[in-house]
N, C-alpha and C. Protein backbone atom coordinates (compact mmCIF):
# COMPACT_ATOMS: atom_id res chain seq x y z
N UNK A 1 0.85 -1.20 0.00
CA UNK A 1 0.00 0.00 0.00
C UNK A 1 0.88 1.24 0.00
N UNK A 2 0.59 2.18 -0.89
CA UNK A 2 1.41 3.38 -0.98
C UNK A 2 1.11 4.31 0.17
N UNK A 3 2.09 5.21 0.44
CA UNK A 3 1.91 6.18 1.52
C UNK A 3 0.68 7.04 1.30
N UNK A 4 0.38 7.32 0.02
CA UNK A 4 -0.75 8.17 -0.29
C UNK A 4 -2.10 7.56 -0.02
N UNK A 5 -2.16 6.26 0.29
CA UNK A 5 -3.42 5.59 0.58
C UNK A 5 -3.61 5.31 2.07
N UNK A 6 -2.54 5.32 2.81
CA UNK A 6 -2.63 5.00 4.23
C UNK A 6 -3.21 6.16 5.02
N UNK A 7 -3.90 5.87 6.14
CA UNK A 7 -4.30 6.95 7.05
C UNK A 7 -3.08 7.78 7.45
N UNK A 8 -3.31 9.04 7.69
CA UNK A 8 -2.23 10.00 7.92
C UNK A 8 -2.32 10.63 9.30
N UNK A 9 -1.19 10.70 9.99
CA UNK A 9 -1.09 11.48 11.22
C UNK A 9 -0.09 12.61 10.95
N UNK A 10 -0.49 13.84 11.21
CA UNK A 10 0.40 15.00 11.11
C UNK A 10 0.70 15.41 12.53
N UNK A 11 1.95 15.23 12.96
CA UNK A 11 2.25 15.32 14.39
C UNK A 11 3.40 16.27 14.69
N UNK A 12 3.43 16.70 15.93
CA UNK A 12 4.53 17.51 16.45
C UNK A 12 5.80 16.67 16.49
N UNK A 13 6.91 17.26 16.07
CA UNK A 13 8.18 16.55 16.09
C UNK A 13 8.66 16.19 17.48
N UNK A 14 8.06 16.76 18.50
CA UNK A 14 8.42 16.40 19.87
C UNK A 14 7.83 15.06 20.29
N UNK A 15 6.99 14.48 19.44
CA UNK A 15 6.31 13.23 19.78
C UNK A 15 6.86 12.02 19.05
N UNK A 16 7.99 12.16 18.37
CA UNK A 16 8.47 11.08 17.52
C UNK A 16 8.60 9.76 18.27
N UNK A 17 9.36 9.73 19.35
CA UNK A 17 9.61 8.49 20.08
C UNK A 17 8.32 7.91 20.65
N UNK A 18 7.51 8.76 21.27
CA UNK A 18 6.31 8.29 21.94
C UNK A 18 5.26 7.79 20.95
N UNK A 19 5.09 8.51 19.83
CA UNK A 19 4.11 8.09 18.85
C UNK A 19 4.53 6.79 18.17
N UNK A 20 5.81 6.64 17.91
CA UNK A 20 6.28 5.38 17.35
C UNK A 20 5.98 4.22 18.28
N UNK A 21 6.18 4.43 19.58
CA UNK A 21 5.90 3.38 20.54
C UNK A 21 4.42 3.03 20.56
N UNK A 22 3.57 4.05 20.54
CA UNK A 22 2.12 3.82 20.55
C UNK A 22 1.69 3.05 19.30
N UNK A 23 2.18 3.46 18.14
CA UNK A 23 1.80 2.78 16.90
C UNK A 23 2.30 1.34 16.90
N UNK A 24 3.50 1.13 17.41
CA UNK A 24 4.05 -0.22 17.46
C UNK A 24 3.22 -1.11 18.39
N UNK A 25 2.84 -0.57 19.54
CA UNK A 25 2.03 -1.34 20.50
C UNK A 25 0.71 -1.78 19.89
N UNK A 26 0.17 -0.95 19.00
CA UNK A 26 -1.14 -1.24 18.42
C UNK A 26 -1.05 -1.89 17.04
N UNK A 27 0.16 -2.29 16.64
CA UNK A 27 0.34 -2.94 15.35
C UNK A 27 0.06 -2.05 14.17
N UNK A 28 0.29 -0.75 14.32
CA UNK A 28 -0.04 0.21 13.27
C UNK A 28 1.18 0.84 12.60
N UNK A 29 2.37 0.36 12.94
CA UNK A 29 3.58 1.00 12.43
C UNK A 29 3.60 1.08 10.91
N UNK A 30 3.21 0.00 10.24
CA UNK A 30 3.23 -0.03 8.78
C UNK A 30 1.90 0.39 8.17
N UNK A 31 0.91 0.63 9.03
CA UNK A 31 -0.43 0.93 8.54
C UNK A 31 -0.71 2.41 8.40
N UNK A 32 0.13 3.22 9.01
CA UNK A 32 -0.12 4.66 9.09
C UNK A 32 1.10 5.42 8.56
N UNK A 33 0.83 6.48 7.82
CA UNK A 33 1.90 7.42 7.46
C UNK A 33 1.91 8.53 8.49
N UNK A 34 3.09 8.85 9.00
CA UNK A 34 3.21 9.94 9.98
C UNK A 34 4.14 11.00 9.39
N UNK A 35 3.69 12.23 9.44
CA UNK A 35 4.52 13.37 9.03
C UNK A 35 4.74 14.23 10.27
N UNK A 36 5.99 14.52 10.57
CA UNK A 36 6.32 15.29 11.76
C UNK A 36 6.68 16.72 11.38
N UNK A 37 6.07 17.67 12.05
CA UNK A 37 6.41 19.08 11.87
C UNK A 37 7.52 19.45 12.85
N UNK A 38 8.28 20.50 12.56
CA UNK A 38 9.43 20.85 13.40
C UNK A 38 9.06 21.05 14.87
N UNK A 39 9.84 20.44 15.75
CA UNK A 39 9.56 20.54 17.18
C UNK A 39 9.73 21.95 17.70
N UNK A 40 10.56 22.76 17.03
CA UNK A 40 10.78 24.11 17.54
C UNK A 40 9.57 25.03 17.35
N UNK A 41 8.50 24.51 16.74
CA UNK A 41 7.25 25.27 16.71
C UNK A 41 6.68 25.44 18.12
N UNK A 42 7.21 24.67 19.08
CA UNK A 42 6.85 24.90 20.49
C UNK A 42 7.09 26.35 20.87
N UNK A 43 8.15 26.94 20.32
CA UNK A 43 8.48 28.33 20.63
C UNK A 43 7.81 29.31 19.68
N UNK A 44 7.19 28.80 18.61
CA UNK A 44 6.54 29.67 17.63
C UNK A 44 5.17 29.09 17.27
N UNK A 45 4.25 29.03 18.24
CA UNK A 45 2.96 28.38 17.98
C UNK A 45 2.16 29.03 16.86
N UNK A 46 2.47 30.28 16.54
CA UNK A 46 1.76 30.92 15.44
C UNK A 46 2.07 30.25 14.10
N UNK A 47 3.13 29.44 14.06
CA UNK A 47 3.48 28.75 12.82
C UNK A 47 2.85 27.38 12.69
N UNK A 48 2.17 26.90 13.73
CA UNK A 48 1.62 25.54 13.69
C UNK A 48 0.48 25.42 12.70
N UNK A 49 -0.47 26.33 12.75
CA UNK A 49 -1.65 26.24 11.88
C UNK A 49 -1.27 26.32 10.40
N UNK A 50 -0.45 27.27 9.95
CA UNK A 50 -0.07 27.27 8.53
C UNK A 50 0.63 25.98 8.10
N UNK A 51 1.47 25.42 8.98
CA UNK A 51 2.17 24.18 8.64
C UNK A 51 1.19 23.02 8.54
N UNK A 52 0.24 22.95 9.45
CA UNK A 52 -0.78 21.90 9.38
C UNK A 52 -1.64 22.04 8.13
N UNK A 53 -2.04 23.24 7.84
CA UNK A 53 -2.92 23.47 6.69
C UNK A 53 -2.26 23.02 5.40
N UNK A 54 -0.98 23.25 5.27
CA UNK A 54 -0.27 22.84 4.05
C UNK A 54 -0.39 21.33 3.83
N UNK A 55 -0.24 20.56 4.90
CA UNK A 55 -0.33 19.11 4.77
C UNK A 55 -1.78 18.65 4.62
N UNK A 56 -2.70 19.30 5.31
CA UNK A 56 -4.11 18.91 5.20
C UNK A 56 -4.65 19.16 3.80
N UNK A 57 -4.21 20.22 3.17
CA UNK A 57 -4.69 20.53 1.82
C UNK A 57 -4.19 19.51 0.80
N UNK A 58 -3.09 18.82 1.12
CA UNK A 58 -2.50 17.87 0.17
C UNK A 58 -2.77 16.42 0.52
N UNK A 59 -3.64 16.17 1.49
CA UNK A 59 -3.79 14.81 2.02
C UNK A 59 -4.71 13.93 1.20
N UNK A 60 -5.52 14.49 0.31
CA UNK A 60 -6.52 13.70 -0.38
C UNK A 60 -7.70 13.43 0.52
N UNK A 61 -8.32 12.24 0.34
CA UNK A 61 -9.53 11.92 1.09
C UNK A 61 -9.29 10.91 2.21
N UNK A 62 -8.05 10.55 2.46
CA UNK A 62 -7.78 9.51 3.45
C UNK A 62 -8.01 10.02 4.88
N UNK A 63 -8.30 9.10 5.81
CA UNK A 63 -8.46 9.50 7.20
C UNK A 63 -7.21 10.19 7.72
N UNK A 64 -7.40 11.28 8.44
CA UNK A 64 -6.27 12.08 8.92
C UNK A 64 -6.51 12.49 10.36
N UNK A 65 -5.45 12.46 11.14
CA UNK A 65 -5.50 12.84 12.55
C UNK A 65 -4.38 13.82 12.83
N UNK A 66 -4.67 14.86 13.59
CA UNK A 66 -3.68 15.88 13.92
C UNK A 66 -3.06 15.57 15.28
N UNK A 67 -1.76 15.31 15.28
CA UNK A 67 -1.05 14.96 16.51
C UNK A 67 -0.57 16.18 17.27
N UNK A 68 -1.49 17.07 17.56
CA UNK A 68 -1.25 18.25 18.39
C UNK A 68 -2.42 18.42 19.34
N UNK A 69 -2.15 18.91 20.53
CA UNK A 69 -3.21 19.48 21.36
C UNK A 69 -3.37 20.93 20.90
N UNK A 70 -3.93 21.80 21.72
CA UNK A 70 -4.03 23.21 21.30
C UNK A 70 -2.64 23.85 21.20
N UNK A 71 -1.75 23.47 22.10
CA UNK A 71 -0.33 23.82 22.01
C UNK A 71 -0.05 25.31 21.84
N UNK A 72 -0.76 26.12 22.60
CA UNK A 72 -0.47 27.55 22.62
C UNK A 72 -1.02 28.33 21.45
N UNK A 73 -1.89 27.72 20.64
CA UNK A 73 -2.42 28.43 19.47
C UNK A 73 -3.67 29.24 19.79
N UNK A 74 -4.14 29.17 21.03
CA UNK A 74 -5.31 29.95 21.41
C UNK A 74 -6.56 29.58 20.65
N UNK A 75 -6.73 28.29 20.37
CA UNK A 75 -7.93 27.83 19.67
C UNK A 75 -7.84 27.86 18.17
N UNK A 76 -6.70 28.29 17.62
CA UNK A 76 -6.60 28.43 16.17
C UNK A 76 -6.61 27.08 15.44
N UNK A 77 -6.07 26.03 16.08
CA UNK A 77 -6.14 24.71 15.44
C UNK A 77 -7.60 24.28 15.29
N UNK A 78 -8.37 24.44 16.35
CA UNK A 78 -9.78 24.06 16.28
C UNK A 78 -10.54 24.86 15.23
N UNK A 79 -10.26 26.15 15.17
CA UNK A 79 -10.91 26.99 14.15
C UNK A 79 -10.56 26.51 12.76
N UNK A 80 -9.29 26.21 12.53
CA UNK A 80 -8.85 25.72 11.22
C UNK A 80 -9.52 24.40 10.87
N UNK A 81 -9.66 23.50 11.86
CA UNK A 81 -10.21 22.18 11.57
C UNK A 81 -11.68 22.22 11.18
N UNK A 82 -12.35 23.34 11.40
CA UNK A 82 -13.72 23.49 10.91
C UNK A 82 -13.76 23.40 9.39
N UNK A 83 -12.64 23.70 8.76
CA UNK A 83 -12.54 23.61 7.29
C UNK A 83 -12.25 22.20 6.82
N UNK A 84 -12.02 21.27 7.75
CA UNK A 84 -11.65 19.90 7.39
C UNK A 84 -12.52 18.92 8.17
N UNK A 85 -13.77 18.76 7.79
CA UNK A 85 -14.68 17.88 8.54
C UNK A 85 -14.12 16.46 8.68
N UNK A 86 -14.26 15.92 9.87
CA UNK A 86 -13.78 14.57 10.12
C UNK A 86 -12.37 14.48 10.64
N UNK A 87 -11.62 15.57 10.58
CA UNK A 87 -10.24 15.57 11.08
C UNK A 87 -10.27 16.02 12.54
N UNK A 88 -9.70 15.22 13.42
CA UNK A 88 -9.65 15.53 14.84
C UNK A 88 -8.22 15.81 15.27
N UNK A 89 -8.09 16.41 16.44
CA UNK A 89 -6.78 16.61 17.05
C UNK A 89 -6.75 15.94 18.40
N UNK A 90 -5.59 15.89 19.03
CA UNK A 90 -5.48 15.37 20.39
C UNK A 90 -6.20 16.32 21.34
N UNK A 91 -7.05 15.78 22.18
CA UNK A 91 -7.79 16.62 23.12
C UNK A 91 -6.84 17.19 24.18
N UNK A 92 -7.15 18.40 24.63
CA UNK A 92 -6.37 19.01 25.69
C UNK A 92 -5.64 20.25 25.25
N UNK A 93 -5.00 20.88 26.22
CA UNK A 93 -4.31 22.14 25.96
C UNK A 93 -2.88 21.95 25.50
N UNK A 94 -2.20 20.95 26.05
CA UNK A 94 -0.78 20.76 25.77
C UNK A 94 -0.44 19.27 25.85
N UNK A 95 0.79 18.94 25.43
CA UNK A 95 1.24 17.56 25.54
C UNK A 95 1.31 17.12 27.01
N UNK A 96 1.56 18.06 27.91
CA UNK A 96 1.60 17.71 29.33
C UNK A 96 0.26 17.13 29.77
N UNK A 97 -0.83 17.69 29.22
CA UNK A 97 -2.15 17.23 29.63
C UNK A 97 -2.47 15.86 29.07
N UNK A 98 -2.20 15.62 27.77
CA UNK A 98 -2.60 14.32 27.26
C UNK A 98 -1.65 13.21 27.70
N UNK A 99 -0.38 13.52 28.00
CA UNK A 99 0.48 12.48 28.55
C UNK A 99 0.04 12.11 29.97
N UNK A 100 -0.23 13.10 30.78
CA UNK A 100 -0.61 12.86 32.18
C UNK A 100 -2.05 12.40 32.32
N UNK A 101 -2.88 12.76 31.35
CA UNK A 101 -4.31 12.57 31.48
C UNK A 101 -4.92 13.81 32.12
N UNK A 102 -6.07 14.22 31.65
CA UNK A 102 -6.67 15.47 32.13
C UNK A 102 -6.89 15.52 33.63
N UNK A 103 -7.37 14.44 34.27
CA UNK A 103 -7.60 14.53 35.73
C UNK A 103 -6.33 14.85 36.51
N UNK A 104 -5.23 14.16 36.21
CA UNK A 104 -3.98 14.41 36.93
C UNK A 104 -3.44 15.80 36.59
N UNK A 105 -3.47 16.16 35.32
CA UNK A 105 -2.95 17.47 34.92
C UNK A 105 -3.68 18.58 35.66
N UNK A 106 -5.00 18.52 35.69
CA UNK A 106 -5.76 19.59 36.34
C UNK A 106 -5.60 19.55 37.86
N UNK A 107 -5.39 18.37 38.40
CA UNK A 107 -5.11 18.27 39.83
C UNK A 107 -3.82 19.02 40.17
N UNK A 108 -2.78 18.79 39.37
CA UNK A 108 -1.49 19.46 39.59
C UNK A 108 -1.62 20.96 39.36
N UNK A 109 -2.28 21.33 38.27
CA UNK A 109 -2.39 22.73 37.91
C UNK A 109 -3.22 23.51 38.93
N UNK A 110 -4.30 22.89 39.41
CA UNK A 110 -5.14 23.58 40.40
C UNK A 110 -4.42 23.73 41.74
N UNK A 111 -3.59 22.72 42.08
CA UNK A 111 -2.87 22.78 43.36
C UNK A 111 -1.77 23.83 43.34
N UNK A 112 -1.15 24.01 42.18
CA UNK A 112 -0.04 24.96 42.08
C UNK A 112 -0.03 25.55 40.66
N UNK A 113 -0.80 26.64 40.45
CA UNK A 113 -0.91 27.22 39.11
C UNK A 113 0.43 27.65 38.51
N UNK A 114 1.38 28.00 39.34
CA UNK A 114 2.67 28.44 38.84
C UNK A 114 3.60 27.28 38.56
N UNK A 115 3.15 26.35 37.73
CA UNK A 115 3.94 25.15 37.42
C UNK A 115 4.41 25.19 35.98
N UNK A 116 5.69 24.93 35.79
CA UNK A 116 6.28 24.82 34.46
C UNK A 116 6.48 23.33 34.18
N UNK A 117 6.03 22.86 33.01
CA UNK A 117 6.00 21.42 32.75
C UNK A 117 7.09 21.00 31.78
N UNK A 118 7.61 19.80 32.03
CA UNK A 118 8.55 19.16 31.13
C UNK A 118 8.07 17.75 30.79
N UNK A 119 8.29 17.34 29.54
CA UNK A 119 8.15 15.96 29.11
C UNK A 119 9.55 15.42 28.83
N UNK A 120 9.66 14.17 28.43
CA UNK A 120 10.98 13.63 28.09
C UNK A 120 11.67 14.49 27.04
N UNK A 121 10.94 14.80 25.97
CA UNK A 121 11.53 15.58 24.88
C UNK A 121 11.98 16.95 25.38
N UNK A 122 11.13 17.62 26.13
CA UNK A 122 11.46 18.97 26.58
C UNK A 122 12.59 18.96 27.61
N UNK A 123 12.68 17.88 28.39
CA UNK A 123 13.82 17.77 29.31
C UNK A 123 15.12 17.59 28.52
N UNK A 124 15.11 16.68 27.54
CA UNK A 124 16.31 16.43 26.74
C UNK A 124 16.78 17.70 26.03
N UNK A 125 15.83 18.50 25.58
CA UNK A 125 16.17 19.66 24.76
C UNK A 125 15.92 20.98 25.49
N UNK A 126 15.94 20.93 26.81
CA UNK A 126 15.65 22.13 27.60
C UNK A 126 16.61 23.26 27.26
N UNK A 127 17.89 22.96 27.19
CA UNK A 127 18.86 24.04 26.94
C UNK A 127 18.62 24.69 25.58
N UNK A 128 18.38 23.88 24.54
CA UNK A 128 18.20 24.44 23.20
C UNK A 128 16.86 25.16 23.06
N UNK A 129 15.79 24.53 23.55
CA UNK A 129 14.46 25.08 23.32
C UNK A 129 14.07 26.17 24.31
N UNK A 130 14.52 26.04 25.55
CA UNK A 130 14.10 27.00 26.58
C UNK A 130 15.24 27.95 26.94
N UNK A 131 16.33 27.40 27.45
CA UNK A 131 17.40 28.27 27.94
C UNK A 131 18.00 29.13 26.83
N UNK A 132 18.38 28.48 25.73
CA UNK A 132 18.94 29.23 24.61
C UNK A 132 17.83 29.83 23.75
N UNK A 133 16.72 29.10 23.63
CA UNK A 133 15.62 29.58 22.80
C UNK A 133 15.04 30.89 23.29
N UNK A 134 15.06 31.10 24.61
CA UNK A 134 14.57 32.35 25.19
C UNK A 134 15.69 33.36 25.43
N UNK A 135 16.91 33.02 25.03
CA UNK A 135 18.03 33.94 25.18
C UNK A 135 18.59 34.02 26.57
N UNK A 136 18.26 33.05 27.44
CA UNK A 136 18.73 33.10 28.82
C UNK A 136 20.21 32.75 28.94
N UNK A 137 20.76 32.11 27.91
CA UNK A 137 22.19 31.80 27.94
C UNK A 137 23.03 33.07 27.85
N UNK A 138 22.54 34.05 27.10
CA UNK A 138 23.27 35.31 26.96
C UNK A 138 22.72 36.42 27.84
N UNK A 139 21.48 36.27 28.29
CA UNK A 139 20.87 37.29 29.14
C UNK A 139 20.17 36.62 30.33
N UNK A 140 20.94 36.01 31.23
CA UNK A 140 20.34 35.26 32.35
C UNK A 140 19.48 36.14 33.25
N UNK A 141 19.68 37.45 33.20
CA UNK A 141 18.88 38.34 34.04
C UNK A 141 17.41 38.33 33.63
N UNK A 142 17.13 37.79 32.43
CA UNK A 142 15.74 37.71 31.96
C UNK A 142 14.98 36.55 32.61
N UNK A 143 15.70 35.70 33.35
CA UNK A 143 15.05 34.53 33.94
C UNK A 143 13.84 34.92 34.78
N UNK A 144 14.01 35.92 35.63
CA UNK A 144 12.91 36.32 36.51
C UNK A 144 11.77 36.95 35.74
N UNK A 145 12.09 37.60 34.61
CA UNK A 145 11.04 38.19 33.79
C UNK A 145 10.16 37.11 33.17
N UNK A 146 10.81 36.02 32.76
CA UNK A 146 10.07 34.91 32.14
C UNK A 146 9.42 33.98 33.18
N UNK A 147 10.13 33.73 34.26
CA UNK A 147 9.73 32.67 35.18
C UNK A 147 9.45 33.16 36.60
N UNK A 148 9.37 34.47 36.78
CA UNK A 148 9.16 35.01 38.12
C UNK A 148 7.86 34.59 38.76
N UNK A 149 6.86 34.25 37.94
CA UNK A 149 5.56 33.84 38.49
C UNK A 149 5.43 32.33 38.63
N UNK A 150 6.49 31.60 38.30
CA UNK A 150 6.47 30.15 38.44
C UNK A 150 7.06 29.75 39.80
N UNK A 151 6.63 28.62 40.31
CA UNK A 151 7.14 28.14 41.59
C UNK A 151 7.74 26.74 41.50
N UNK A 152 7.35 25.97 40.47
CA UNK A 152 7.74 24.57 40.42
C UNK A 152 7.90 24.09 38.99
N UNK A 153 8.83 23.15 38.79
CA UNK A 153 8.91 22.39 37.55
C UNK A 153 8.31 21.02 37.82
N UNK A 154 7.33 20.63 37.01
CA UNK A 154 6.76 19.28 37.08
C UNK A 154 7.22 18.51 35.85
N UNK A 155 7.93 17.44 36.07
CA UNK A 155 8.41 16.60 34.99
C UNK A 155 7.50 15.38 34.88
N UNK A 156 6.70 15.32 33.80
CA UNK A 156 5.89 14.15 33.48
C UNK A 156 6.71 13.27 32.54
N UNK A 157 7.25 12.18 33.03
CA UNK A 157 8.13 11.36 32.21
C UNK A 157 7.36 10.29 31.45
N UNK A 158 7.87 9.96 30.24
CA UNK A 158 7.29 8.92 29.41
C UNK A 158 8.06 7.60 29.55
N UNK A 159 9.37 7.67 29.77
CA UNK A 159 10.17 6.48 30.00
C UNK A 159 10.81 6.59 31.38
N UNK A 160 11.15 5.43 31.93
CA UNK A 160 11.83 5.41 33.24
C UNK A 160 13.32 5.50 33.00
N UNK A 161 13.88 6.67 33.23
CA UNK A 161 15.29 6.92 32.93
C UNK A 161 15.82 7.93 33.95
N UNK A 162 16.65 7.45 34.87
CA UNK A 162 17.14 8.33 35.93
C UNK A 162 18.01 9.46 35.38
N UNK A 163 18.65 9.23 34.22
CA UNK A 163 19.46 10.30 33.64
C UNK A 163 18.58 11.46 33.19
N UNK A 164 17.38 11.16 32.70
CA UNK A 164 16.46 12.23 32.30
C UNK A 164 15.89 12.95 33.51
N UNK A 165 15.67 12.21 34.59
CA UNK A 165 15.22 12.85 35.82
C UNK A 165 16.26 13.84 36.30
N UNK A 166 17.53 13.45 36.21
CA UNK A 166 18.62 14.34 36.63
C UNK A 166 18.67 15.59 35.75
N UNK A 167 18.44 15.41 34.45
CA UNK A 167 18.44 16.55 33.53
C UNK A 167 17.29 17.49 33.86
N UNK A 168 16.12 16.92 34.11
CA UNK A 168 14.95 17.74 34.45
C UNK A 168 15.16 18.49 35.76
N UNK A 169 15.79 17.81 36.73
CA UNK A 169 16.06 18.45 38.01
C UNK A 169 17.06 19.61 37.83
N UNK A 170 18.03 19.40 36.96
CA UNK A 170 19.00 20.48 36.68
C UNK A 170 18.29 21.67 36.03
N UNK A 171 17.34 21.38 35.15
CA UNK A 171 16.58 22.46 34.52
C UNK A 171 15.84 23.28 35.57
N UNK A 172 15.25 22.60 36.54
CA UNK A 172 14.56 23.31 37.62
C UNK A 172 15.52 24.19 38.41
N UNK A 173 16.71 23.67 38.66
CA UNK A 173 17.72 24.45 39.38
C UNK A 173 18.13 25.68 38.58
N UNK A 174 18.27 25.52 37.27
CA UNK A 174 18.65 26.65 36.42
C UNK A 174 17.58 27.73 36.45
N UNK A 175 16.33 27.32 36.59
CA UNK A 175 15.23 28.28 36.62
C UNK A 175 14.95 28.78 38.04
N UNK A 176 15.63 28.21 39.02
CA UNK A 176 15.41 28.61 40.40
C UNK A 176 14.07 28.17 40.94
N UNK A 177 13.59 27.00 40.49
CA UNK A 177 12.26 26.53 40.88
C UNK A 177 12.35 25.19 41.61
N UNK A 178 11.34 24.88 42.39
CA UNK A 178 11.23 23.57 43.01
C UNK A 178 11.00 22.51 41.94
N UNK A 179 11.21 21.25 42.30
CA UNK A 179 11.14 20.18 41.31
C UNK A 179 10.27 19.04 41.81
N UNK A 180 9.45 18.51 40.89
CA UNK A 180 8.66 17.32 41.18
C UNK A 180 8.62 16.45 39.93
N UNK A 181 8.63 15.15 40.12
CA UNK A 181 8.62 14.20 39.01
C UNK A 181 7.51 13.18 39.20
N UNK A 182 6.77 12.94 38.12
CA UNK A 182 5.79 11.86 38.11
C UNK A 182 5.92 11.10 36.79
N UNK A 183 6.00 9.79 36.90
CA UNK A 183 6.08 8.97 35.68
C UNK A 183 4.66 8.69 35.19
N UNK A 184 4.38 9.04 33.93
CA UNK A 184 3.03 8.86 33.38
C UNK A 184 2.98 7.95 32.17
N UNK A 185 4.14 7.65 31.54
CA UNK A 185 4.15 6.77 30.39
C UNK A 185 3.56 7.40 29.14
N UNK A 186 3.13 6.55 28.19
CA UNK A 186 2.61 7.05 26.91
C UNK A 186 1.15 6.67 26.68
N UNK A 187 0.53 6.04 27.66
CA UNK A 187 -0.84 5.58 27.45
C UNK A 187 -1.80 6.72 27.15
N UNK A 188 -1.54 7.89 27.75
CA UNK A 188 -2.40 9.03 27.48
C UNK A 188 -2.39 9.42 26.01
N UNK A 189 -1.24 9.32 25.37
CA UNK A 189 -1.15 9.60 23.93
C UNK A 189 -1.89 8.52 23.15
N UNK A 190 -1.69 7.26 23.54
CA UNK A 190 -2.38 6.17 22.85
C UNK A 190 -3.88 6.31 22.92
N UNK A 191 -4.38 6.71 24.09
CA UNK A 191 -5.82 6.87 24.27
C UNK A 191 -6.37 8.03 23.44
N UNK A 192 -5.50 8.93 23.00
CA UNK A 192 -5.95 10.10 22.26
C UNK A 192 -6.24 9.80 20.79
N UNK A 193 -5.66 8.73 20.27
CA UNK A 193 -5.87 8.40 18.86
C UNK A 193 -7.25 7.75 18.71
N UNK A 194 -8.12 8.35 17.91
CA UNK A 194 -9.51 7.87 17.84
C UNK A 194 -9.59 6.40 17.42
N UNK A 195 -10.53 5.69 18.01
CA UNK A 195 -10.74 4.28 17.67
C UNK A 195 -11.07 4.14 16.19
N UNK A 196 -11.87 5.06 15.65
CA UNK A 196 -12.24 4.97 14.24
C UNK A 196 -11.01 5.09 13.35
N UNK A 197 -10.04 5.90 13.76
CA UNK A 197 -8.82 6.06 12.98
C UNK A 197 -8.00 4.78 13.03
N UNK A 198 -7.87 4.20 14.23
CA UNK A 198 -7.13 2.96 14.37
C UNK A 198 -7.78 1.84 13.57
N UNK A 199 -9.11 1.81 13.56
CA UNK A 199 -9.81 0.77 12.81
C UNK A 199 -9.56 0.90 11.32
N UNK A 200 -9.56 2.13 10.81
CA UNK A 200 -9.30 2.35 9.40
C UNK A 200 -7.91 1.89 9.02
N UNK A 201 -6.95 2.19 9.89
CA UNK A 201 -5.57 1.78 9.63
C UNK A 201 -5.44 0.27 9.60
N UNK A 202 -6.10 -0.41 10.55
CA UNK A 202 -6.02 -1.86 10.62
C UNK A 202 -6.71 -2.51 9.41
N UNK A 203 -7.80 -1.91 8.94
CA UNK A 203 -8.45 -2.43 7.74
C UNK A 203 -7.52 -2.34 6.54
N UNK A 204 -6.76 -1.25 6.46
CA UNK A 204 -5.85 -1.08 5.34
C UNK A 204 -4.73 -2.12 5.41
N UNK A 205 -4.28 -2.48 6.61
CA UNK A 205 -3.26 -3.50 6.74
C UNK A 205 -3.78 -4.84 6.22
N UNK A 206 -5.02 -5.19 6.61
CA UNK A 206 -5.56 -6.47 6.20
C UNK A 206 -5.78 -6.54 4.70
N UNK A 207 -6.18 -5.41 4.09
CA UNK A 207 -6.36 -5.37 2.64
C UNK A 207 -5.03 -5.53 1.95
N UNK A 208 -3.99 -4.88 2.51
CA UNK A 208 -2.68 -4.94 1.89
C UNK A 208 -2.10 -6.35 2.00
């Protein structure tokens, strides 16, 4: 089966490892085409909708799923998807929410609104995406301007890796914030992929 016939997921590049694991667990690795958009759109959410639209306009009629939550677009992804009936996105505000699950995310957020969140990807790339991306490497005095209203770093991990916990803890220290870690795995991402989409992909595998 050609890539142009398989169901399509257009996803954030920060989800590469986790989405591959989810697809593999569900036997969908060869059944789905995945296109990843640049992960640095985390710092430029205004670029997410135009990038998604480009791929959606070229997708044909095959089932398509958007591998983004709202991700800082202020509802713009949802507004755009009104032009593409049947295309869904991951529910929630951010990757932190769908990895942790909405109940846990809101429990943490309600208990301490000044929480800065990390996932495995964001912990690994904290220096490039956050520290250097916000110019704190050359202007560390801006730290309080950016993070003065935060009190804690919450690391929601997808894999059990003490080296990543250490990296996340170091990030909290760099920001001058308290640190907490909870392992949540990838099930929240797996649960976000619609059953109808998974069924379509599996039907295509059996036909192939």
